[in-house]
N, C-alpha and C. Protein backbone atom coordinates (compact mmCIF):
# COMPACT_ATOMS: atom_id res chain seq x y z
N MET A 1 123.65 105.33 90.42
CA MET A 1 122.71 106.06 91.25
C MET A 1 121.98 105.08 92.16
N THR A 2 121.49 105.55 93.26
CA THR A 2 120.97 104.64 94.27
C THR A 2 119.51 104.90 94.61
N TYR A 3 118.95 103.96 95.34
CA TYR A 3 117.59 104.13 95.86
C TYR A 3 117.53 105.29 96.84
N GLN A 4 118.62 105.52 97.55
CA GLN A 4 118.67 106.63 98.50
C GLN A 4 118.57 107.97 97.77
N LEU A 5 119.30 108.12 96.66
CA LEU A 5 119.21 109.36 95.87
C LEU A 5 117.82 109.52 95.27
N GLU A 6 117.21 108.42 94.88
CA GLU A 6 115.84 108.44 94.35
C GLU A 6 114.90 109.06 95.39
N ARG A 7 114.99 108.57 96.62
CA ARG A 7 114.15 109.08 97.70
C ARG A 7 114.43 110.56 97.97
N ILE A 8 115.69 110.92 98.05
CA ILE A 8 116.07 112.31 98.31
C ILE A 8 115.54 113.24 97.22
N ALA A 9 115.65 112.83 95.96
CA ALA A 9 115.20 113.67 94.84
C ALA A 9 113.68 113.86 94.88
N ILE A 10 112.94 112.78 95.08
CA ILE A 10 111.47 112.87 95.09
C ILE A 10 110.99 113.68 96.29
N GLU A 11 111.51 113.37 97.47
CA GLU A 11 111.11 114.13 98.66
C GLU A 11 111.47 115.60 98.54
N GLY A 12 112.69 115.88 98.07
CA GLY A 12 113.13 117.27 97.94
C GLY A 12 112.26 118.06 96.99
N TYR A 13 111.96 117.47 95.84
CA TYR A 13 111.11 118.15 94.86
C TYR A 13 109.72 118.41 95.46
N PHE A 14 109.12 117.37 96.07
CA PHE A 14 107.78 117.54 96.61
C PHE A 14 107.74 118.58 97.72
N LEU A 15 108.67 118.51 98.65
CA LEU A 15 108.67 119.48 99.75
C LEU A 15 108.85 120.91 99.25
N THR A 16 109.69 121.10 98.24
CA THR A 16 109.90 122.43 97.68
C THR A 16 108.63 122.94 97.01
N GLN A 17 108.00 122.09 96.21
CA GLN A 17 106.80 122.51 95.47
C GLN A 17 105.58 122.64 96.38
N TRP A 18 105.44 121.75 97.34
CA TRP A 18 104.27 121.72 98.21
C TRP A 18 104.31 122.84 99.24
N GLY A 19 105.50 123.18 99.69
CA GLY A 19 105.63 124.26 100.68
C GLY A 19 104.92 123.92 101.97
N SER A 20 104.14 124.88 102.45
CA SER A 20 103.44 124.69 103.73
C SER A 20 101.94 124.47 103.53
N ILE A 21 101.54 123.92 102.39
CA ILE A 21 100.12 123.69 102.13
C ILE A 21 99.51 122.81 103.22
N THR A 22 100.20 121.72 103.58
CA THR A 22 99.76 120.83 104.65
C THR A 22 101.01 120.24 105.32
N PRO A 23 100.84 119.66 106.50
CA PRO A 23 101.95 118.86 107.05
C PRO A 23 102.21 117.65 106.14
N VAL A 24 103.46 117.20 106.08
CA VAL A 24 103.84 116.08 105.21
C VAL A 24 104.61 115.04 106.02
N GLY A 25 104.20 113.79 105.87
CA GLY A 25 104.94 112.67 106.43
C GLY A 25 105.78 112.07 105.31
N LEU A 26 107.07 111.94 105.54
CA LEU A 26 107.97 111.45 104.50
C LEU A 26 108.14 109.94 104.57
N ASP A 27 108.60 109.38 103.48
CA ASP A 27 108.73 107.94 103.26
C ASP A 27 109.35 107.20 104.44
N GLY A 28 108.54 106.37 105.09
CA GLY A 28 109.03 105.51 106.15
C GLY A 28 109.33 106.18 107.48
N GLN A 29 109.13 107.48 107.58
CA GLN A 29 109.43 108.17 108.83
C GLN A 29 108.20 108.22 109.73
N SER A 30 108.43 108.36 111.00
CA SER A 30 107.34 108.45 111.96
C SER A 30 106.48 109.67 111.61
N PHE A 31 105.17 109.47 111.60
CA PHE A 31 104.25 110.54 111.23
C PHE A 31 102.90 110.28 111.87
N THR A 32 102.36 111.27 112.53
CA THR A 32 101.02 111.16 113.10
C THR A 32 100.05 111.91 112.19
N PRO A 33 99.15 111.19 111.52
CA PRO A 33 98.21 111.84 110.61
C PRO A 33 97.31 112.84 111.34
N VAL A 34 97.06 113.94 110.68
CA VAL A 34 96.10 114.94 111.14
C VAL A 34 95.24 115.32 109.95
N ASN A 35 94.10 115.93 110.23
CA ASN A 35 93.27 116.41 109.12
C ASN A 35 94.07 117.34 108.23
N ASN A 36 93.87 117.20 106.93
CA ASN A 36 94.57 118.02 105.94
C ASN A 36 96.09 117.84 106.04
N SER A 37 96.51 116.60 105.85
CA SER A 37 97.93 116.29 105.79
C SER A 37 98.16 115.28 104.67
N VAL A 38 99.43 115.06 104.31
CA VAL A 38 99.80 114.14 103.23
C VAL A 38 100.95 113.27 103.69
N ARG A 39 100.86 111.96 103.39
CA ARG A 39 101.95 111.03 103.68
C ARG A 39 102.49 110.51 102.34
N LEU A 40 103.80 110.60 102.15
CA LEU A 40 104.46 110.14 100.93
C LEU A 40 105.12 108.79 101.18
N THR A 41 104.85 107.84 100.29
CA THR A 41 105.50 106.53 100.33
C THR A 41 106.08 106.28 98.94
N ILE A 42 107.36 105.88 98.89
CA ILE A 42 108.02 105.60 97.62
C ILE A 42 108.23 104.09 97.54
N THR A 43 107.69 103.48 96.49
CA THR A 43 107.80 102.04 96.30
C THR A 43 108.66 101.78 95.07
N SER A 44 109.78 101.13 95.29
CA SER A 44 110.65 100.75 94.18
C SER A 44 110.16 99.43 93.62
N GLY A 45 110.14 99.35 92.29
CA GLY A 45 109.61 98.15 91.65
C GLY A 45 110.64 97.44 90.81
N ALA A 46 110.19 96.94 89.69
CA ALA A 46 111.03 96.14 88.79
C ALA A 46 112.15 96.98 88.19
N THR A 47 113.19 96.28 87.77
CA THR A 47 114.30 96.90 87.07
C THR A 47 114.40 96.23 85.71
N ARG A 48 114.56 97.04 84.66
CA ARG A 48 114.66 96.44 83.33
C ARG A 48 115.67 97.17 82.48
N GLN A 49 116.10 96.52 81.42
CA GLN A 49 117.07 97.08 80.49
C GLN A 49 116.40 98.22 79.72
N GLY A 50 116.99 99.43 79.81
CA GLY A 50 116.44 100.58 79.10
C GLY A 50 117.06 100.76 77.73
N SER A 51 118.35 100.47 77.64
CA SER A 51 119.05 100.57 76.35
C SER A 51 120.38 99.84 76.47
N ILE A 52 120.94 99.55 75.34
CA ILE A 52 122.26 98.95 75.29
C ILE A 52 123.18 99.97 74.65
N GLY A 53 124.18 100.41 75.41
CA GLY A 53 125.06 101.47 74.92
C GLY A 53 126.46 100.97 74.64
N ARG A 54 127.22 101.81 73.95
CA ARG A 54 128.59 101.45 73.62
C ARG A 54 129.46 101.39 74.87
N THR A 55 129.25 102.36 75.78
CA THR A 55 130.08 102.39 76.98
C THR A 55 129.29 102.08 78.25
N ALA A 56 128.00 102.28 78.24
CA ALA A 56 127.19 102.00 79.43
C ALA A 56 125.76 101.67 79.02
N ASN A 57 125.16 100.73 79.71
CA ASN A 57 123.77 100.36 79.48
C ASN A 57 122.87 101.18 80.40
N ARG A 58 121.74 101.65 79.87
CA ARG A 58 120.78 102.35 80.72
C ARG A 58 119.88 101.31 81.37
N ILE A 59 119.75 101.41 82.67
CA ILE A 59 118.88 100.54 83.44
C ILE A 59 117.71 101.39 83.92
N ASP A 60 116.49 100.91 83.69
CA ASP A 60 115.28 101.62 84.13
C ASP A 60 114.76 100.97 85.41
N HIS A 61 114.69 101.78 86.47
CA HIS A 61 114.17 101.34 87.77
C HIS A 61 112.75 101.89 87.88
N LEU A 62 111.76 101.01 87.83
CA LEU A 62 110.36 101.44 87.88
C LEU A 62 109.93 101.64 89.32
N GLY A 63 109.06 102.63 89.54
CA GLY A 63 108.60 102.86 90.90
C GLY A 63 107.29 103.65 90.93
N LEU A 64 106.77 103.78 92.13
CA LEU A 64 105.55 104.54 92.38
C LEU A 64 105.75 105.46 93.56
N ALA A 65 105.34 106.70 93.42
CA ALA A 65 105.27 107.62 94.55
C ALA A 65 103.79 107.70 94.92
N THR A 66 103.46 107.29 96.14
CA THR A 66 102.07 107.31 96.60
C THR A 66 101.90 108.43 97.60
N PHE A 67 100.94 109.28 97.32
CA PHE A 67 100.62 110.40 98.20
C PHE A 67 99.27 110.10 98.84
N GLN A 68 99.29 109.82 100.12
CA GLN A 68 98.05 109.55 100.84
C GLN A 68 97.57 110.87 101.44
N ILE A 69 96.43 111.33 100.95
CA ILE A 69 95.85 112.59 101.41
C ILE A 69 94.90 112.26 102.56
N ILE A 70 95.11 112.93 103.67
CA ILE A 70 94.33 112.66 104.88
C ILE A 70 93.47 113.88 105.16
N THR A 71 92.15 113.69 105.08
CA THR A 71 91.22 114.79 105.33
C THR A 71 90.19 114.35 106.38
N GLU A 72 89.39 115.28 106.83
CA GLU A 72 88.40 115.00 107.85
C GLU A 72 87.30 114.10 107.28
N GLY A 73 86.97 113.05 108.04
CA GLY A 73 85.91 112.14 107.61
C GLY A 73 84.56 112.83 107.55
N GLY A 74 83.72 112.39 106.64
CA GLY A 74 82.36 112.90 106.52
C GLY A 74 82.24 114.23 105.79
N LYS A 75 83.32 114.74 105.23
CA LYS A 75 83.28 116.04 104.55
C LYS A 75 83.12 115.91 103.03
N GLY A 76 83.12 114.70 102.52
CA GLY A 76 82.94 114.50 101.09
C GLY A 76 84.20 114.77 100.30
N SER A 77 84.07 114.61 99.00
CA SER A 77 85.25 114.71 98.13
C SER A 77 85.78 116.13 97.98
N ALA A 78 84.99 117.11 98.33
CA ALA A 78 85.48 118.50 98.24
C ALA A 78 86.68 118.72 99.14
N ALA A 79 86.79 117.94 100.21
CA ALA A 79 87.90 118.12 101.16
C ALA A 79 89.24 117.68 100.57
N TRP A 80 89.26 116.70 99.65
CA TRP A 80 90.52 116.17 99.16
C TRP A 80 90.80 116.42 97.68
N ARG A 81 89.80 116.73 96.88
CA ARG A 81 90.01 116.84 95.42
C ARG A 81 91.01 117.93 95.04
N GLY A 82 91.01 119.04 95.72
CA GLY A 82 91.97 120.11 95.42
C GLY A 82 93.40 119.67 95.66
N TYR A 83 93.63 118.97 96.79
CA TYR A 83 94.97 118.44 97.07
C TYR A 83 95.39 117.44 96.00
N ALA A 84 94.47 116.55 95.61
CA ALA A 84 94.79 115.53 94.60
C ALA A 84 95.16 116.18 93.27
N GLU A 85 94.40 117.16 92.85
CA GLU A 85 94.70 117.84 91.59
C GLU A 85 96.06 118.53 91.63
N THR A 86 96.37 119.15 92.75
CA THR A 86 97.66 119.82 92.89
C THR A 86 98.81 118.81 92.79
N ILE A 87 98.69 117.71 93.50
CA ILE A 87 99.74 116.68 93.46
C ILE A 87 99.89 116.13 92.05
N MET A 88 98.77 115.80 91.39
CA MET A 88 98.85 115.25 90.03
C MET A 88 99.51 116.25 89.09
N GLY A 89 99.22 117.53 89.25
CA GLY A 89 99.86 118.55 88.43
C GLY A 89 101.35 118.68 88.69
N LEU A 90 101.75 118.51 89.93
CA LEU A 90 103.18 118.61 90.27
C LEU A 90 104.01 117.50 89.63
N PHE A 91 103.38 116.35 89.38
CA PHE A 91 104.14 115.19 88.90
C PHE A 91 103.81 114.78 87.46
N PHE A 92 102.87 115.44 86.82
CA PHE A 92 102.51 115.10 85.44
C PHE A 92 103.65 115.47 84.49
N GLU A 93 104.24 114.45 83.86
CA GLU A 93 105.31 114.61 82.87
C GLU A 93 106.48 115.48 83.36
N LYS A 94 106.87 115.29 84.61
CA LYS A 94 108.01 116.03 85.16
C LYS A 94 109.24 115.16 85.16
N THR A 95 110.40 115.78 84.93
CA THR A 95 111.67 115.08 85.04
C THR A 95 112.53 115.82 86.06
N LEU A 96 113.29 115.02 86.83
CA LEU A 96 114.08 115.58 87.93
C LEU A 96 115.54 115.18 87.81
N THR A 97 116.40 116.03 88.34
CA THR A 97 117.81 115.68 88.51
C THR A 97 117.94 114.87 89.79
N SER A 98 119.13 114.36 90.07
CA SER A 98 119.34 113.61 91.31
C SER A 98 119.22 114.50 92.55
N ALA A 99 119.25 115.81 92.35
CA ALA A 99 119.07 116.75 93.46
C ALA A 99 117.60 117.14 93.64
N GLY A 100 116.71 116.62 92.78
CA GLY A 100 115.29 116.92 92.89
C GLY A 100 114.88 118.20 92.19
N ALA A 101 115.72 118.72 91.31
CA ALA A 101 115.39 119.93 90.55
C ALA A 101 114.71 119.55 89.25
N LEU A 102 113.76 120.38 88.81
CA LEU A 102 113.10 120.18 87.52
C LEU A 102 114.09 120.41 86.39
N ILE A 103 113.99 119.60 85.34
CA ILE A 103 114.85 119.79 84.18
C ILE A 103 114.02 119.73 82.90
N THR A 104 114.59 120.26 81.83
CA THR A 104 113.88 120.27 80.56
C THR A 104 114.63 119.52 79.47
N THR A 105 115.87 119.11 79.72
CA THR A 105 116.63 118.37 78.71
C THR A 105 116.78 116.92 79.15
N SER A 106 116.63 116.00 78.23
CA SER A 106 116.67 114.58 78.57
C SER A 106 118.06 114.12 79.00
N ALA A 107 119.10 114.86 78.64
CA ALA A 107 120.46 114.44 78.97
C ALA A 107 120.68 114.35 80.48
N ASP A 108 119.97 115.15 81.25
CA ASP A 108 120.16 115.18 82.70
C ASP A 108 119.10 114.39 83.46
N THR A 109 118.27 113.63 82.77
CA THR A 109 117.17 112.95 83.43
C THR A 109 117.65 111.90 84.41
N PHE A 110 117.18 112.02 85.64
CA PHE A 110 117.44 111.03 86.68
C PHE A 110 116.14 110.27 86.97
N ILE A 111 115.07 111.04 87.18
CA ILE A 111 113.74 110.46 87.41
C ILE A 111 112.76 111.12 86.45
N ARG A 112 111.92 110.30 85.84
CA ARG A 112 110.89 110.81 84.93
C ARG A 112 109.53 110.31 85.41
N PHE A 113 108.63 111.24 85.70
CA PHE A 113 107.25 110.90 86.04
C PHE A 113 106.43 110.90 84.76
N SER A 114 105.32 110.14 84.73
CA SER A 114 104.54 109.90 83.51
C SER A 114 105.47 109.34 82.44
N PRO A 115 106.23 108.31 82.78
CA PRO A 115 107.32 107.88 81.90
C PRO A 115 106.84 107.16 80.64
N PRO A 116 107.30 107.61 79.48
CA PRO A 116 106.97 106.89 78.25
C PRO A 116 107.65 105.52 78.20
N GLU A 117 108.70 105.32 79.01
CA GLU A 117 109.40 104.04 79.05
C GLU A 117 108.48 102.89 79.46
N LEU A 118 107.42 103.20 80.21
CA LEU A 118 106.51 102.14 80.63
C LEU A 118 105.68 101.62 79.45
N GLY A 119 105.52 102.44 78.43
CA GLY A 119 104.80 102.01 77.24
C GLY A 119 103.30 101.94 77.37
N ASP A 120 102.76 102.37 78.51
CA ASP A 120 101.31 102.28 78.68
C ASP A 120 100.66 103.62 78.98
N GLY A 121 101.41 104.71 78.84
CA GLY A 121 100.85 106.05 78.99
C GLY A 121 100.34 106.37 80.38
N ARG A 122 100.94 105.80 81.42
CA ARG A 122 100.44 106.04 82.77
C ARG A 122 100.90 107.40 83.30
N HIS A 123 99.94 108.13 83.80
CA HIS A 123 100.16 109.43 84.42
C HIS A 123 99.67 109.33 85.87
N PRO A 124 99.90 110.37 86.69
CA PRO A 124 99.36 110.34 88.05
C PRO A 124 97.86 110.10 88.05
N TYR A 125 97.38 109.32 89.03
CA TYR A 125 95.96 108.97 89.08
C TYR A 125 95.53 108.72 90.53
N ILE A 126 94.23 108.77 90.76
CA ILE A 126 93.67 108.46 92.08
C ILE A 126 93.43 106.96 92.12
N ALA A 127 94.04 106.28 93.09
CA ALA A 127 93.96 104.82 93.15
C ALA A 127 93.03 104.32 94.24
N ALA A 128 92.81 105.11 95.26
CA ALA A 128 91.95 104.67 96.35
C ALA A 128 91.33 105.90 97.01
N ASP A 129 90.14 105.69 97.54
CA ASP A 129 89.39 106.77 98.17
C ASP A 129 88.43 106.11 99.15
N PHE A 130 88.71 106.24 100.46
CA PHE A 130 87.88 105.50 101.41
C PHE A 130 87.87 106.16 102.78
N ALA A 131 86.84 105.84 103.55
CA ALA A 131 86.72 106.33 104.92
C ALA A 131 87.58 105.47 105.83
N ASP A 132 88.26 106.12 106.77
CA ASP A 132 89.04 105.46 107.81
C ASP A 132 88.89 106.34 109.05
N PRO A 133 87.70 106.26 109.71
CA PRO A 133 87.37 107.19 110.78
C PRO A 133 88.51 107.37 111.78
N PRO A 134 88.78 108.59 112.18
CA PRO A 134 88.00 109.81 111.93
C PRO A 134 88.39 110.52 110.64
N PHE A 135 89.16 109.85 109.78
CA PHE A 135 89.67 110.48 108.57
C PHE A 135 88.99 109.96 107.31
N HIS A 136 89.32 110.62 106.22
CA HIS A 136 89.04 110.11 104.88
C HIS A 136 90.40 110.06 104.18
N LEU A 137 90.72 108.93 103.57
CA LEU A 137 92.02 108.74 102.93
C LEU A 137 91.86 108.63 101.41
N THR A 138 92.73 109.32 100.71
CA THR A 138 92.74 109.27 99.25
C THR A 138 94.18 109.08 98.81
N ASN A 139 94.42 108.08 97.96
CA ASN A 139 95.76 107.81 97.47
C ASN A 139 95.92 108.28 96.03
N VAL A 140 96.93 109.12 95.81
CA VAL A 140 97.31 109.53 94.46
C VAL A 140 98.61 108.82 94.13
N ILE A 141 98.61 108.11 93.01
CA ILE A 141 99.78 107.34 92.58
C ILE A 141 100.46 108.07 91.43
N CYS A 142 101.78 108.24 91.54
CA CYS A 142 102.57 108.88 90.49
C CYS A 142 103.65 107.91 90.03
N PRO A 143 103.44 107.23 88.87
CA PRO A 143 104.44 106.30 88.36
C PRO A 143 105.70 107.05 87.92
N PHE A 144 106.87 106.40 88.11
CA PHE A 144 108.10 107.03 87.67
C PHE A 144 109.11 105.97 87.22
N VAL A 145 110.12 106.43 86.51
CA VAL A 145 111.27 105.62 86.12
C VAL A 145 112.51 106.39 86.54
N ARG A 146 113.43 105.68 87.22
CA ARG A 146 114.74 106.27 87.55
C ARG A 146 115.76 105.59 86.65
N HIS A 147 116.63 106.39 86.05
CA HIS A 147 117.65 105.87 85.16
C HIS A 147 118.99 105.74 85.87
N SER A 148 119.66 104.64 85.61
CA SER A 148 121.06 104.48 86.02
C SER A 148 121.82 103.89 84.85
N TYR A 149 123.12 103.99 84.91
CA TYR A 149 123.94 103.51 83.79
C TYR A 149 125.02 102.59 84.32
N ARG A 150 125.18 101.43 83.64
CA ARG A 150 126.19 100.44 84.05
C ARG A 150 126.89 99.90 82.83
């Protein structure tokens, strides 16, 4: 499995779940921020051995999905907290197929958010909250692990 499929799965899941709540800027694509919009950035991180198998080893690709919530400056936290809670709920302990569909069985896991593989119990969280006139920016971080087999 590839980094490209990782991006497609995360973007597809988010766009389907988010619908038309706000405009969305996707990972690395041209996007002009407006009040009440969200920009998604996917950061691929370390790769580590997940398991040693008889026929294939599981490789864990660690990453972060960052959702930058863009709201009107000077409106306080009421402008962004609802968006942050919705995003955190969408990614809390969710597992996805390579097509970005939700799954309930571990056999089909491609990406796992709130991954126990990290060993530190990390769930989606608010990582930054600051003024950037004329906007207010809030970053919600959603840790994930993508599995591949070699």
